[in-house]
Protein backbone atom coordinates (compact mmCIF):
# COMPACT_ATOMS: atom_id res chain seq x y z
CA MET A 1 0.00 0.00 0.00
CA ALA A 2 0.91 3.66 -0.12
CA PHE A 3 -0.01 6.86 1.66
CA ASN A 4 -3.16 8.35 0.18
CA ALA A 5 -2.65 11.54 -1.82
CA THR A 6 -3.83 13.83 0.97
CA GLU A 7 -1.62 12.28 3.65
CA LYS A 8 1.35 12.21 1.30
CA ALA A 9 0.88 15.89 0.44
CA VAL A 10 0.76 16.98 4.08
CA LEU A 11 3.69 14.73 5.00
CA LEU A 12 5.76 16.36 2.27
CA THR A 13 5.35 19.68 4.10
CA VAL A 14 7.43 18.33 7.01
CA LYS A 15 10.99 19.61 6.85
CA GLY A 16 13.36 16.90 5.64
CA VAL A 17 10.62 14.60 4.36
CA GLY A 18 10.73 13.99 0.65
CA GLU A 19 9.69 11.34 -1.82
CA LYS A 20 12.50 8.95 -0.79
CA VAL A 21 11.59 9.13 2.89
CA ILE A 22 7.97 8.37 2.07
CA LEU A 23 9.04 5.53 -0.23
CA ARG A 24 11.13 3.97 2.56
CA LEU A 25 8.25 4.29 5.02
CA GLU A 26 5.93 2.58 2.55
CA GLN A 27 8.48 -0.19 1.95
CA MET A 28 8.42 -0.84 5.71
CA GLY A 29 4.62 -1.10 5.69
CA ILE A 30 4.03 2.37 7.13
CA ASP A 31 1.46 3.68 4.68
CA SER A 32 -0.73 6.00 6.74
CA LEU A 33 -0.37 8.77 9.28
CA ALA A 34 -2.09 6.50 11.81
CA LYS A 35 0.62 3.84 11.40
CA LEU A 36 3.36 6.46 11.41
CA ALA A 37 2.00 7.93 14.64
CA GLN A 38 2.40 4.52 16.31
CA ALA A 39 5.98 4.06 15.10
CA ASN A 40 9.23 4.57 16.97
CA PRO A 41 11.61 6.91 15.08
CA GLN A 42 14.69 4.92 16.10
CA ASP A 43 13.12 1.68 14.89
CA ILE A 44 12.27 3.33 11.57
CA THR A 45 15.83 4.57 10.98
CA GLU A 46 17.28 1.17 11.90
CA GLN A 47 14.85 -0.64 9.58
CA ALA A 48 15.55 1.82 6.77
CA ALA A 49 19.30 1.29 7.19
CA SER A 50 18.80 -2.46 6.98
CA LEU A 51 16.46 -2.09 4.01
CA VAL A 52 18.95 -0.12 1.92
CA GLY A 53 22.06 -1.85 3.26
CA SER A 54 23.59 1.39 4.48
CA SER A 55 24.16 2.76 7.96
CA CYS A 56 23.51 6.34 6.81
CA TRP A 57 19.85 6.15 7.80
CA LYS A 58 20.60 5.34 11.42
CA ASN A 59 23.74 7.48 11.72
CA SER A 60 22.66 10.62 9.87
CA PRO A 61 21.40 13.44 12.09
CA GLN A 62 19.33 14.69 9.15
CA ALA A 63 17.62 11.33 8.67
CA LYS A 64 16.94 10.97 12.39
CA THR A 65 15.53 14.49 12.57
CA ALA A 66 13.35 14.05 9.48
CA ILE A 67 11.88 10.79 10.77
CA SER A 68 11.33 12.20 14.27
CA MET A 69 9.60 15.24 12.82
CA ALA A 70 7.43 13.05 10.58
CA VAL A 71 6.38 10.86 13.52
CA ASP A 72 5.67 13.92 15.68
CA PHE A 73 3.64 15.45 12.85
CA ALA A 74 1.63 12.25 12.45
CA ARG A 75 0.95 12.07 16.19
CA ARG A 76 -0.26 15.68 16.29
CA ASN A 77 -2.41 15.09 13.22
CA ILE A 78 -4.04 12.03 14.77
CA GLU A 79 -4.63 13.85 18.09
CA ASN A 80 -6.30 16.75 16.26
CA GLN A 81 -8.70 14.35 14.58
CA SER A 82 -9.84 12.90 17.92
């Protein structure tokens, strides 16, 4: 599955989140803001590093920040819908 167009568009407004970040999330089965809100940023970066065979995802401050901001955004978005 993939993020729906609306969720993808709002996720792309998060600093550091681009098409590749969204693609990696989708490859890990995170395909909605609800799923992203439940995720652990550290787990995501470790899984992404394993997925691409490179440690840059788990060692890069930019990657860690982008994923943390995306998860925080998703959590706020879900809370606002409640």
